[in-house]
C-alpha cells in the first residue's frame, strides 16, 4: 500500500452502485433491515479484502523465504484458534 492509499475500512463513505443476485439481496435485507444493508455489505467486502491481502502477503513472503514449515503452520493454526501452546514464535518454548 502506498502512503496515499486509504486503508481498508477507513475514510468517508462513497456511494457506489452494485448488482446482487435477488436471493442474496433478500437474505441480507432479512437479516439487517433496510437501514443496515450498506453496512453489512461494506463489512463483508472489507473481510474479503483483508483475506485477499493477507493471502497476497503470505504468497510474497513464501516466494522470498521459502515455504512455511509444518511447525510454522501448526503454530499459526494454534495462534488463530486460541489453542494452548500458540504463544511466542515457532521454535520457541511455549
N, C-alpha and C. Protein backbone atom coordinates (compact mmCIF):
# COMPACT_ATOMS: atom_id res chain seq x y z
N UNK A 1 0.85 -1.17 0.00
CA UNK A 1 0.00 0.00 0.00
C UNK A 1 0.89 1.23 0.00
N UNK A 2 0.60 2.18 -0.84
CA UNK A 2 1.39 3.41 -0.86
C UNK A 2 0.90 4.33 0.23
N UNK A 3 1.70 5.36 0.53
CA UNK A 3 1.34 6.27 1.61
C UNK A 3 0.08 7.07 1.32
N UNK A 4 -0.35 7.13 0.06
CA UNK A 4 -1.53 7.92 -0.31
C UNK A 4 -2.80 7.09 -0.37
N UNK A 5 -2.69 5.78 -0.24
CA UNK A 5 -3.88 4.93 -0.27
C UNK A 5 -4.58 4.96 1.08
N UNK A 6 -5.89 4.93 1.05
CA UNK A 6 -6.68 4.88 2.27
C UNK A 6 -6.79 3.42 2.69
N UNK A 7 -6.48 3.10 3.96
CA UNK A 7 -6.56 1.70 4.42
C UNK A 7 -7.98 1.15 4.32
N UNK A 8 -8.08 -0.15 4.16
CA UNK A 8 -9.38 -0.83 4.12
C UNK A 8 -10.17 -0.47 5.37
N UNK A 9 -11.42 -0.08 5.19
CA UNK A 9 -12.30 0.25 6.30
C UNK A 9 -12.19 1.69 6.79
N UNK A 10 -11.34 2.50 6.16
CA UNK A 10 -11.13 3.88 6.59
C UNK A 10 -11.67 4.85 5.54
N UNK A 11 -11.76 6.10 5.94
CA UNK A 11 -12.17 7.15 5.01
C UNK A 11 -13.67 7.36 5.00
N UNK A 12 -14.08 8.41 4.33
CA UNK A 12 -15.52 8.70 4.25
C UNK A 12 -16.22 7.68 3.36
N UNK A 13 -17.50 7.53 3.58
CA UNK A 13 -18.30 6.64 2.74
C UNK A 13 -18.51 7.28 1.38
N UNK A 14 -18.47 6.46 0.35
CA UNK A 14 -18.77 6.93 -1.00
C UNK A 14 -19.89 6.07 -1.55
N UNK A 15 -20.76 6.67 -2.33
CA UNK A 15 -21.88 5.94 -2.91
C UNK A 15 -21.40 5.20 -4.15
N UNK A 16 -21.68 3.90 -4.19
CA UNK A 16 -21.38 3.09 -5.37
C UNK A 16 -22.62 2.29 -5.73
N UNK A 17 -22.68 1.85 -6.94
CA UNK A 17 -23.79 1.03 -7.40
C UNK A 17 -23.27 -0.38 -7.61
N UNK A 18 -24.01 -1.37 -7.14
CA UNK A 18 -23.62 -2.74 -7.39
C UNK A 18 -24.85 -3.59 -7.61
N UNK A 19 -24.66 -4.69 -8.28
CA UNK A 19 -25.75 -5.62 -8.55
C UNK A 19 -25.51 -6.89 -7.76
N UNK A 20 -26.57 -7.40 -7.15
CA UNK A 20 -26.52 -8.65 -6.40
C UNK A 20 -27.61 -9.57 -6.91
N UNK A 21 -27.39 -10.86 -6.83
CA UNK A 21 -28.49 -11.77 -7.13
C UNK A 21 -29.67 -11.47 -6.19
N UNK A 22 -30.86 -11.57 -6.70
CA UNK A 22 -32.05 -11.22 -5.92
C UNK A 22 -32.12 -11.97 -4.59
N UNK A 23 -31.83 -13.26 -4.63
CA UNK A 23 -31.88 -14.05 -3.40
C UNK A 23 -30.88 -13.57 -2.36
N UNK A 24 -29.70 -13.16 -2.82
CA UNK A 24 -28.67 -12.64 -1.90
C UNK A 24 -29.14 -11.33 -1.27
N UNK A 25 -29.66 -10.43 -2.09
CA UNK A 25 -30.15 -9.15 -1.58
C UNK A 25 -31.28 -9.35 -0.58
N UNK A 26 -32.20 -10.25 -0.88
CA UNK A 26 -33.32 -10.52 0.03
C UNK A 26 -32.82 -11.10 1.34
N UNK A 27 -31.84 -11.99 1.29
CA UNK A 27 -31.31 -12.60 2.51
C UNK A 27 -30.62 -11.55 3.38
N UNK A 28 -29.86 -10.66 2.77
CA UNK A 28 -29.20 -9.59 3.53
C UNK A 28 -30.24 -8.68 4.15
N UNK A 29 -31.25 -8.29 3.38
CA UNK A 29 -32.31 -7.42 3.89
C UNK A 29 -33.05 -8.08 5.05
N UNK A 30 -33.28 -9.38 4.96
CA UNK A 30 -33.99 -10.09 6.02
C UNK A 30 -33.19 -10.08 7.32
N UNK A 31 -31.87 -10.12 7.20
CA UNK A 31 -31.01 -10.12 8.39
C UNK A 31 -30.82 -8.72 8.95
N UNK A 32 -30.64 -7.75 8.07
CA UNK A 32 -30.22 -6.42 8.50
C UNK A 32 -31.31 -5.37 8.53
N UNK A 33 -32.36 -5.57 7.78
CA UNK A 33 -33.32 -4.49 7.58
C UNK A 33 -32.75 -3.52 6.56
N UNK A 34 -33.56 -2.62 6.09
CA UNK A 34 -33.14 -1.72 5.02
C UNK A 34 -32.04 -0.76 5.45
N UNK A 35 -32.06 -0.31 6.69
CA UNK A 35 -31.13 0.72 7.14
C UNK A 35 -29.69 0.23 7.29
N UNK A 36 -29.47 -1.03 7.56
CA UNK A 36 -28.12 -1.55 7.79
C UNK A 36 -27.57 -2.33 6.61
N UNK A 37 -28.27 -2.34 5.50
CA UNK A 37 -27.87 -3.10 4.32
C UNK A 37 -26.47 -2.72 3.86
N UNK A 38 -26.21 -1.43 3.70
CA UNK A 38 -24.90 -0.97 3.22
C UNK A 38 -23.79 -1.34 4.18
N UNK A 39 -24.03 -1.20 5.47
CA UNK A 39 -23.00 -1.54 6.46
C UNK A 39 -22.66 -3.02 6.40
N UNK A 40 -23.67 -3.86 6.20
CA UNK A 40 -23.45 -5.31 6.11
C UNK A 40 -22.60 -5.64 4.89
N UNK A 41 -22.93 -5.05 3.76
CA UNK A 41 -22.17 -5.29 2.53
C UNK A 41 -20.75 -4.76 2.68
N UNK A 42 -20.59 -3.57 3.27
CA UNK A 42 -19.25 -3.00 3.47
C UNK A 42 -18.41 -3.91 4.34
N UNK A 43 -18.99 -4.43 5.43
CA UNK A 43 -18.25 -5.33 6.32
C UNK A 43 -17.84 -6.61 5.59
N UNK A 44 -18.73 -7.15 4.79
CA UNK A 44 -18.41 -8.37 4.04
C UNK A 44 -17.29 -8.13 3.03
N UNK A 45 -17.34 -7.00 2.34
CA UNK A 45 -16.31 -6.66 1.36
C UNK A 45 -14.97 -6.43 2.06
N UNK A 46 -14.99 -5.71 3.19
CA UNK A 46 -13.76 -5.47 3.94
C UNK A 46 -13.14 -6.79 4.41
N UNK A 47 -13.98 -7.70 4.88
CA UNK A 47 -13.48 -9.02 5.32
C UNK A 47 -12.79 -9.74 4.16
N UNK A 48 -13.43 -9.73 3.01
CA UNK A 48 -12.86 -10.39 1.83
C UNK A 48 -11.56 -9.72 1.40
N UNK A 49 -11.54 -8.39 1.41
CA UNK A 49 -10.32 -7.66 1.04
C UNK A 49 -9.16 -8.00 1.97
N UNK A 50 -9.43 -8.00 3.28
CA UNK A 50 -8.36 -8.32 4.23
C UNK A 50 -7.85 -9.74 4.02
N UNK A 51 -8.76 -10.65 3.75
CA UNK A 51 -8.37 -12.04 3.48
C UNK A 51 -7.51 -12.13 2.22
N UNK A 52 -7.93 -11.46 1.16
CA UNK A 52 -7.17 -11.47 -0.09
C UNK A 52 -5.81 -10.82 0.08
N UNK A 53 -5.75 -9.70 0.81
CA UNK A 53 -4.48 -9.01 1.04
C UNK A 53 -3.53 -9.87 1.87
N UNK A 54 -4.07 -10.56 2.88
CA UNK A 54 -3.25 -11.47 3.68
C UNK A 54 -2.70 -12.60 2.82
N UNK A 55 -3.54 -13.16 1.97
CA UNK A 55 -3.10 -14.23 1.07
C UNK A 55 -1.97 -13.74 0.17
N UNK A 56 -2.09 -12.52 -0.34
CA UNK A 56 -1.02 -11.95 -1.17
C UNK A 56 0.27 -11.80 -0.38
N UNK A 57 0.15 -11.29 0.85
CA UNK A 57 1.34 -11.11 1.70
C UNK A 57 2.01 -12.45 1.99
N UNK A 58 1.21 -13.47 2.30
CA UNK A 58 1.77 -14.79 2.59
C UNK A 58 2.46 -15.38 1.37
N UNK A 59 1.87 -15.20 0.21
CA UNK A 59 2.48 -15.69 -1.03
C UNK A 59 3.81 -15.00 -1.28
N UNK A 60 3.83 -13.67 -1.14
CA UNK A 60 5.06 -12.92 -1.35
C UNK A 60 6.14 -13.35 -0.35
N UNK A 61 5.75 -13.54 0.92
CA UNK A 61 6.71 -13.96 1.94
C UNK A 61 7.33 -15.31 1.57
N UNK A 62 6.48 -16.25 1.18
CA UNK A 62 6.98 -17.59 0.84
C UNK A 62 7.83 -17.57 -0.43
N UNK A 63 7.51 -16.70 -1.37
CA UNK A 63 8.35 -16.59 -2.57
C UNK A 63 9.74 -16.09 -2.21
N UNK A 64 9.82 -15.23 -1.20
CA UNK A 64 11.11 -14.68 -0.78
C UNK A 64 11.86 -15.59 0.19
N UNK A 65 11.14 -16.26 1.09
CA UNK A 65 11.78 -17.01 2.18
C UNK A 65 11.59 -18.52 2.10
N UNK A 66 10.83 -18.98 1.15
CA UNK A 66 10.55 -20.41 1.05
C UNK A 66 9.25 -20.76 1.75
N UNK A 67 8.78 -21.96 1.48
CA UNK A 67 7.51 -22.42 2.04
C UNK A 67 7.58 -22.51 3.56
N UNK A 68 6.43 -22.32 4.20
CA UNK A 68 6.36 -22.46 5.64
C UNK A 68 6.59 -23.92 6.03
N UNK A 69 7.26 -24.12 7.15
CA UNK A 69 7.47 -25.47 7.66
C UNK A 69 6.18 -25.95 8.32
N UNK A 70 6.08 -27.23 8.56
CA UNK A 70 4.91 -27.76 9.26
C UNK A 70 4.83 -27.18 10.66
N UNK A 71 5.98 -26.96 11.31
CA UNK A 71 6.00 -26.36 12.65
C UNK A 71 5.43 -24.94 12.61
N UNK A 72 5.80 -24.17 11.60
CA UNK A 72 5.27 -22.81 11.46
C UNK A 72 3.77 -22.82 11.19
N UNK A 73 3.33 -23.76 10.37
CA UNK A 73 1.90 -23.86 10.07
C UNK A 73 1.10 -24.26 11.30
N UNK A 74 1.64 -25.20 12.10
CA UNK A 74 0.97 -25.63 13.33
C UNK A 74 0.89 -24.47 14.32
N UNK A 75 1.97 -23.71 14.42
CA UNK A 75 1.99 -22.55 15.31
C UNK A 75 0.92 -21.54 14.89
N UNK A 76 0.84 -21.27 13.59
CA UNK A 76 -0.15 -20.31 13.08
C UNK A 76 -1.57 -20.79 13.36
N UNK A 77 -1.83 -22.08 13.14
CA UNK A 77 -3.17 -22.62 13.43
C UNK A 77 -3.50 -22.45 14.90
N UNK A 78 -2.53 -22.73 15.79
CA UNK A 78 -2.77 -22.59 17.23
C UNK A 78 -3.02 -21.13 17.60
N UNK A 79 -2.27 -20.22 17.01
CA UNK A 79 -2.46 -18.79 17.27
C UNK A 79 -3.86 -18.34 16.84
N UNK A 80 -4.27 -18.75 15.66
CA UNK A 80 -5.56 -18.32 15.12
C UNK A 80 -6.73 -18.94 15.86
N UNK A 81 -6.56 -20.14 16.37
CA UNK A 81 -7.66 -20.82 17.05
C UNK A 81 -7.67 -20.55 18.55
N UNK A 82 -6.60 -19.94 19.07
CA UNK A 82 -6.52 -19.67 20.50
C UNK A 82 -6.16 -20.90 21.31
N UNK A 83 -5.67 -21.94 20.65
CA UNK A 83 -5.28 -23.15 21.36
C UNK A 83 -4.07 -22.88 22.24
N UNK A 84 -3.96 -23.63 23.32
CA UNK A 84 -2.81 -23.53 24.20
C UNK A 84 -1.56 -23.92 23.43
N UNK A 85 -0.46 -23.28 23.73
CA UNK A 85 0.78 -23.58 23.03
C UNK A 85 0.96 -22.72 21.81
N UNK A 86 0.03 -21.82 21.54
CA UNK A 86 0.14 -20.96 20.38
C UNK A 86 0.80 -19.63 20.68
N UNK A 87 1.46 -19.52 21.84
CA UNK A 87 2.10 -18.26 22.19
C UNK A 87 3.54 -18.26 21.73
N UNK A 88 4.11 -17.09 21.68
CA UNK A 88 5.50 -16.99 21.25
C UNK A 88 5.60 -17.16 19.75
N UNK A 89 6.74 -17.64 19.31
CA UNK A 89 7.01 -17.83 17.89
C UNK A 89 7.41 -19.26 17.64
N UNK A 90 7.29 -19.73 16.41
CA UNK A 90 7.69 -21.10 16.11
C UNK A 90 9.13 -21.34 16.55
N UNK A 91 9.36 -22.46 17.18
CA UNK A 91 10.71 -22.81 17.62
C UNK A 91 11.02 -22.35 19.03
N UNK A 92 10.19 -21.47 19.62
CA UNK A 92 10.39 -21.04 21.00
C UNK A 92 9.60 -21.94 21.92
N UNK A 93 10.08 -22.08 23.14
CA UNK A 93 9.34 -22.85 24.13
C UNK A 93 8.09 -22.08 24.50
N UNK A 94 6.96 -22.78 24.65
CA UNK A 94 5.69 -22.13 24.97
C UNK A 94 5.64 -21.73 26.42
